[in-house]
Amino acid sequence: MHYDLYSLSLFLAVARLGSIAKAGEVQNIASSAVSRRISELEDTVGTLLFYRRQRGVELTPAGHELRKYARTITAEVGRMDSALSDYARGRKGTIRIAANTSAITQFLPEDLAEFQEQHPEVRIKLVELVSADILSMVRTGQADLGIISGLTPQEGLRQVTYRKDRLVVTAPKGHSVIEKSTVTFRDILSEDMVSLQHGSSIQAFLEAKAEELGLPIRTRVEVMSFDGVRRMVQAGLGISVLPEGAVQPYLQASELEMVPISEPWAERSLEIVYRDASGFSNLPKALVEFLISEKI
């Protein structure tokens, strides 16, 4: 059997008011239309639901039985609608984010914690990847949004600036490169370097810049994380280029120092990337709006 939810709601109104005419007034529908809906419902059930009286209607035994179930059904549908509307309005659900080390190390922890305070029923799934893999996850729909270096070329995705940061040279205390107030990239290419893993957007960019100068990067150690870079540099295995936010907070508690790079490209951005906005649901859209609001 097929039961129409609207017909069930009209049936409950008639049962509550004891009148087809009054139910029509309350539901803002002609009484003839209400009567037709009730008759169709009775045809579906296969028996009378109301006794028609001169002064109104009364429920039959079958009508009493149907009212019990109709109340449960309409209540559950109401709860379902309320629950789903929370997802539609961005109050519930899961957001899948793929972000690079720079974003995760410097900015995302505090920003996501603040977002979750405002959206306690939202679950965030965050993975740390290099920028090329982030772009792949976003393009294939495995991530709702990604955060990559502005140094990384990307095509076919929308993007908006999340944060700005600056690349600096970090070295052990007392290292000769720290004696200068600023250094050029050419200045440090004669030094042993602690480099980030292959595929890192920073490393790929620095290799391209070194190639433009016709000089190699003298990588002595290659590691996967900013923490690994800092520890290797502090151990005296070389100097490195990192985002300022990945060095500054650790200076007092370590044997590290830093110096700005006097190159126009040292100032860079972190970009939020996502697929066409027409396929962007309200929940990740709410997060993007939060991340870019007054953050740059």
Protein backbone atom coordinates (compact mmCIF):
# COMPACT_ATOMS: atom_id res chain seq x y z
CA MET A 1 0.00 0.00 0.00
CA HIS A 2 1.08 3.58 -0.68
CA TYR A 3 0.37 6.20 1.98
CA ASP A 4 0.70 9.86 1.13
CA LEU A 5 2.20 11.93 3.97
CA TYR A 6 0.09 14.95 3.14
CA SER A 7 -3.08 12.86 3.20
CA LEU A 8 -2.05 11.45 6.59
CA SER A 9 -1.54 14.97 7.95
CA LEU A 10 -5.02 15.96 6.70
CA PHE A 11 -6.47 12.80 8.25
CA LEU A 12 -4.94 13.74 11.62
CA ALA A 13 -6.33 17.26 11.36
CA VAL A 14 -9.84 15.95 10.65
CA ALA A 15 -9.54 13.45 13.52
CA ARG A 16 -8.38 16.18 15.90
CA LEU A 17 -11.04 18.73 14.92
CA GLY A 18 -13.91 16.30 14.21
CA SER A 19 -14.78 18.24 11.07
CA ILE A 20 -13.66 18.16 7.45
CA ALA A 21 -14.61 21.82 6.98
CA LYS A 22 -12.61 22.97 10.03
CA ALA A 23 -9.62 20.89 8.95
CA GLY A 24 -9.77 22.59 5.55
CA GLU A 25 -9.73 26.02 7.20
CA VAL A 26 -6.77 25.15 9.44
CA GLN A 27 -4.79 23.55 6.60
CA ASN A 28 -5.76 26.32 4.15
CA ILE A 29 -7.32 23.90 1.66
CA ALA A 30 -10.85 23.58 0.32
CA SER A 31 -13.04 21.19 2.31
CA SER A 32 -13.92 19.35 -0.92
CA ALA A 33 -10.21 18.66 -1.45
CA VAL A 34 -9.90 17.39 2.14
CA SER A 35 -12.92 15.15 1.63
CA ARG A 36 -11.41 13.76 -1.59
CA ARG A 37 -8.09 13.03 0.16
CA ILE A 38 -9.87 11.20 3.00
CA SER A 39 -11.89 9.14 0.51
CA GLU A 40 -8.68 8.21 -1.36
CA LEU A 41 -7.09 7.22 1.94
CA GLU A 42 -10.09 5.04 2.77
CA ASP A 43 -9.77 3.41 -0.65
CA THR A 44 -6.12 2.67 0.09
CA VAL A 45 -6.93 1.20 3.50
CA GLY A 46 -9.95 -0.64 2.18
CA THR A 47 -12.37 0.46 4.90
CA LEU A 48 -14.05 3.55 6.36
CA LEU A 49 -11.96 5.74 8.63
CA PHE A 50 -14.72 8.14 9.72
CA TYR A 51 -18.40 7.92 10.47
CA ARG A 52 -20.00 10.90 8.72
CA ARG A 53 -22.44 12.60 11.12
CA GLN A 54 -24.70 15.60 10.61
CA ARG A 55 -22.50 17.73 12.88
CA GLY A 56 -19.12 16.36 11.90
CA VAL A 57 -17.20 13.10 11.77
CA GLU A 58 -16.07 10.43 14.24
CA LEU A 59 -13.27 7.92 13.93
CA THR A 60 -14.17 4.32 13.17
CA PRO A 61 -12.16 1.54 14.89
CA ALA A 62 -9.93 1.43 11.80
CA GLY A 63 -9.58 5.22 12.03
CA HIS A 64 -8.41 4.97 15.65
CA GLU A 65 -5.82 2.39 14.61
CA LEU A 66 -4.60 4.51 11.72
CA ARG A 67 -4.36 7.62 13.91
CA LYS A 68 -1.98 5.78 16.26
CA TYR A 69 0.39 4.91 13.44
CA ALA A 70 -0.07 8.19 11.56
CA ARG A 71 1.01 10.14 14.65
CA THR A 72 4.18 8.05 14.91
CA ILE A 73 4.93 8.35 11.20
CA THR A 74 4.46 12.12 11.01
CA ALA A 75 6.46 12.64 14.21
CA GLU A 76 9.34 10.57 12.82
CA VAL A 77 9.22 12.42 9.51
CA GLY A 78 9.35 15.70 11.42
CA ARG A 79 12.40 14.54 13.37
CA MET A 80 14.02 13.29 10.16
CA ASP A 81 13.40 16.63 8.45
CA SER A 82 14.89 18.49 11.41
CA ALA A 83 17.97 16.25 11.49
CA LEU A 84 18.58 16.52 7.75
CA SER A 85 18.10 20.28 7.82
CA ASP A 86 21.06 20.44 10.24
CA TYR A 87 23.19 18.85 7.54
CA ALA A 88 21.78 21.16 4.87
CA ARG A 89 22.50 24.22 7.02
CA GLY A 90 26.04 23.13 7.82
CA ARG A 91 25.42 22.17 11.46
CA LYS A 92 26.24 18.46 11.13
CA GLY A 93 28.34 16.25 8.90
CA THR A 94 31.94 15.48 7.99
CA ILE A 95 34.44 17.73 6.23
CA ARG A 96 37.39 16.04 4.52
CA ILE A 97 40.50 18.23 4.32
CA ALA A 98 43.87 17.50 2.74
CA ALA A 99 46.51 20.04 3.78
CA ASN A 100 50.23 20.56 3.47
CA THR A 101 52.66 20.64 6.38
CA SER A 102 52.90 24.43 6.35
CA ALA A 103 49.18 24.87 6.98
CA ILE A 104 48.99 22.11 9.59
CA THR A 105 52.07 23.29 11.47
CA GLN A 106 51.35 27.00 11.50
CA PHE A 107 47.65 27.79 11.31
CA LEU A 108 45.11 24.96 11.08
CA PRO A 109 45.12 23.58 14.64
CA GLU A 110 43.87 26.80 16.23
CA ASP A 111 41.53 27.65 13.35
CA LEU A 112 39.89 24.21 13.28
CA ALA A 113 39.55 24.17 17.06
CA GLU A 114 37.72 27.50 16.93
CA PHE A 115 35.48 26.29 14.09
CA GLN A 116 34.56 23.16 16.04
CA GLU A 117 33.65 25.22 19.09
CA GLN A 118 31.05 26.91 16.91
CA HIS A 119 30.04 23.66 15.16
CA PRO A 120 30.36 20.92 17.81
CA GLU A 121 28.54 18.28 15.75
CA VAL A 122 30.79 18.65 12.72
CA ARG A 123 33.48 16.00 12.28
CA ILE A 124 36.71 16.98 10.54
CA LYS A 125 38.90 14.40 8.80
CA LEU A 126 42.33 15.92 8.13
CA VAL A 127 45.22 14.30 6.27
CA GLU A 128 48.69 15.75 5.78
CA LEU A 129 50.07 15.39 2.25
CA VAL A 130 52.35 17.10 -0.21
CA SER A 131 50.64 19.57 -2.52
CA ALA A 132 50.57 17.34 -5.61
CA ASP A 133 48.71 14.61 -3.70
CA ILE A 134 46.37 17.20 -2.19
CA LEU A 135 45.37 18.39 -5.65
CA SER A 136 44.73 14.81 -6.73
CA MET A 137 42.46 14.14 -3.73
CA VAL A 138 40.43 17.27 -4.35
CA ARG A 139 40.06 16.61 -8.08
CA THR A 140 38.88 13.04 -7.49
CA GLY A 141 36.46 14.02 -4.73
CA GLN A 142 38.38 12.24 -1.95
CA ALA A 143 38.72 15.57 -0.15
CA ASP A 144 36.18 18.40 0.03
CA LEU A 145 38.93 20.99 0.05
CA GLY A 146 42.69 21.21 0.11
CA ILE A 147 45.25 23.70 1.39
CA ILE A 148 48.38 24.03 -0.72
CA SER A 149 51.27 26.39 -1.21
CA GLY A 150 50.63 29.30 -3.52
CA LEU A 151 53.89 28.28 -5.17
CA THR A 152 52.19 25.15 -6.51
CA PRO A 153 50.61 25.45 -9.96
CA GLN A 154 47.08 24.10 -10.18
CA GLU A 155 44.49 23.92 -12.94
CA GLY A 156 40.78 23.20 -13.01
CA LEU A 157 40.09 24.07 -9.37
CA ARG A 158 38.76 27.13 -7.61
CA GLN A 159 41.09 28.74 -5.10
CA VAL A 160 41.06 31.44 -2.45
CA THR A 161 43.90 32.71 -0.26
CA TYR A 162 43.89 31.31 3.28
CA ARG A 163 47.04 32.80 4.85
CA LYS A 164 50.28 34.56 4.03
CA ASP A 165 53.67 33.40 5.24
CA ARG A 166 57.36 34.00 4.58
CA LEU A 167 60.26 31.69 3.88
CA VAL A 168 63.36 32.13 6.07
CA VAL A 169 66.73 30.49 6.50
CA THR A 170 67.24 28.63 9.75
CA ALA A 171 70.67 27.65 11.02
CA PRO A 172 72.39 26.67 14.27
CA LYS A 173 73.36 29.51 16.59
CA GLY A 174 76.72 30.98 15.62
CA HIS A 175 76.51 29.90 11.99
CA SER A 176 78.08 32.42 9.61
CA VAL A 177 74.89 32.81 7.55
CA ILE A 178 73.08 34.22 10.60
CA GLU A 179 75.55 37.10 10.90
CA LYS A 180 73.78 38.88 8.03
CA SER A 181 70.52 40.80 8.45
CA THR A 182 69.17 39.21 5.26
CA VAL A 183 70.48 36.71 2.74
CA THR A 184 69.81 36.02 -0.90
CA PHE A 185 69.12 32.53 -2.15
CA ARG A 186 72.45 32.56 -4.00
CA ASP A 187 74.20 33.27 -0.67
CA ILE A 188 73.11 29.97 0.85
CA LEU A 189 73.54 27.61 -2.08
CA SER A 190 77.19 27.02 -1.16
CA GLU A 191 76.08 25.62 2.20
CA ASP A 192 75.10 22.06 3.10
CA MET A 193 71.31 21.89 3.27
CA VAL A 194 68.73 19.94 5.22
CA SER A 195 65.93 19.52 2.68
CA LEU A 196 62.31 18.46 2.84
CA GLN A 197 61.15 15.26 1.20
CA HIS A 198 60.82 14.95 -2.55
CA GLY A 199 57.37 16.19 -3.57
CA SER A 200 57.23 18.97 -1.01
CA SER A 201 56.05 22.19 -2.65
CA ILE A 202 58.77 24.19 -0.88
CA GLN A 203 61.52 21.83 -2.00
CA ALA A 204 60.26 21.66 -5.58
CA PHE A 205 60.10 25.45 -5.72
CA LEU A 206 63.61 25.89 -4.29
CA GLU A 207 65.02 23.38 -6.77
CA ALA A 208 63.43 25.34 -9.62
CA LYS A 209 64.92 28.59 -8.30
CA ALA A 210 68.36 26.98 -7.94
CA GLU A 211 68.13 25.73 -11.52
CA GLU A 212 67.37 29.28 -12.69
CA LEU A 213 70.63 30.36 -11.03
CA GLY A 214 72.50 27.44 -12.58
CA LEU A 215 73.51 26.14 -9.16
CA PRO A 216 72.74 22.89 -7.33
CA ILE A 217 71.20 22.52 -3.88
CA ARG A 218 73.72 20.68 -1.74
CA THR A 219 71.29 18.44 0.11
CA ARG A 220 73.06 16.59 2.91
CA VAL A 221 69.97 15.22 4.65
CA GLU A 222 66.40 14.85 3.40
CA VAL A 223 63.57 14.50 5.94
CA MET A 224 59.77 14.40 5.87
CA SER A 225 58.71 16.99 8.46
CA PHE A 226 59.46 20.48 9.72
CA ASP A 227 60.30 18.99 13.12
CA GLY A 228 62.80 16.66 11.47
CA VAL A 229 64.36 19.59 9.62
CA ARG A 230 64.72 21.64 12.82
CA ARG A 231 66.35 18.75 14.69
CA MET A 232 68.82 18.05 11.89
CA VAL A 233 69.73 21.73 11.60
CA GLN A 234 70.20 22.02 15.35
CA ALA A 235 72.49 18.97 15.22
CA GLY A 236 74.71 20.89 12.79
CA LEU A 237 73.97 18.85 9.67
CA GLY A 238 73.20 21.89 7.54
CA ILE A 239 70.97 24.92 7.18
CA SER A 240 67.45 24.96 5.75
CA VAL A 241 64.66 27.04 4.27
CA LEU A 242 61.35 26.85 6.16
CA PRO A 243 58.25 28.99 6.68
CA GLU A 244 58.80 31.58 9.40
CA GLY A 245 55.90 30.15 11.42
CA ALA A 246 57.67 26.79 11.56
CA VAL A 247 60.80 28.36 13.07
CA GLN A 248 59.89 31.44 15.12
CA PRO A 249 58.03 29.61 17.97
CA TYR A 250 61.02 27.30 18.56
CA LEU A 251 63.87 29.81 18.73
CA GLN A 252 63.91 30.43 22.49
CA ALA A 253 63.82 26.74 23.42
CA SER A 254 66.41 25.62 20.85
CA GLU A 255 69.84 26.34 19.48
CA LEU A 256 68.36 27.70 16.26
CA GLU A 257 68.36 31.13 14.68
CA MET A 258 66.78 32.47 11.51
CA VAL A 259 67.35 35.18 8.94
CA PRO A 260 64.95 36.52 6.26
CA ILE A 261 65.49 35.69 2.60
CA SER A 262 65.66 38.88 0.55
CA GLU A 263 63.90 37.50 -2.52
CA PRO A 264 60.49 38.66 -3.79
CA TRP A 265 59.29 35.04 -3.88
CA ALA A 266 60.04 34.52 -0.17
CA GLU A 267 56.65 36.06 0.59
CA ARG A 268 54.10 33.40 -0.33
CA SER A 269 50.50 32.40 0.26
CA LEU A 270 48.65 29.28 1.32
CA GLU A 271 45.67 28.63 -0.92
CA ILE A 272 42.41 26.80 -0.26
CA VAL A 273 41.45 24.79 -3.36
CA TYR A 274 38.15 23.10 -4.13
CA ARG A 275 36.11 21.91 -7.06
CA ASP A 276 33.41 23.97 -8.77
CA ALA A 277 31.26 25.75 -6.20
CA SER A 278 28.08 24.35 -7.76
CA GLY A 279 28.98 20.97 -6.25
CA PHE A 280 30.17 22.45 -2.97
CA SER A 281 27.88 21.57 -0.04
CA ASN A 282 26.99 24.00 2.72
CA LEU A 283 29.25 22.43 5.33
CA PRO A 284 32.66 22.79 3.62
CA LYS A 285 31.48 26.14 2.29
CA ALA A 286 30.91 27.29 5.89
CA LEU A 287 34.43 26.17 6.82
CA VAL A 288 36.02 27.98 3.87
CA GLU A 289 34.16 31.18 4.77
CA PHE A 290 35.36 30.82 8.37
CA LEU A 291 38.99 30.17 7.39
CA ILE A 292 39.27 33.16 5.09
CA SER A 293 37.41 35.65 7.30
CA GLU A 294 39.89 38.14 8.69
CA LYS A 295 42.69 35.60 8.62
CA ILE A 296 44.96 36.95 5.91
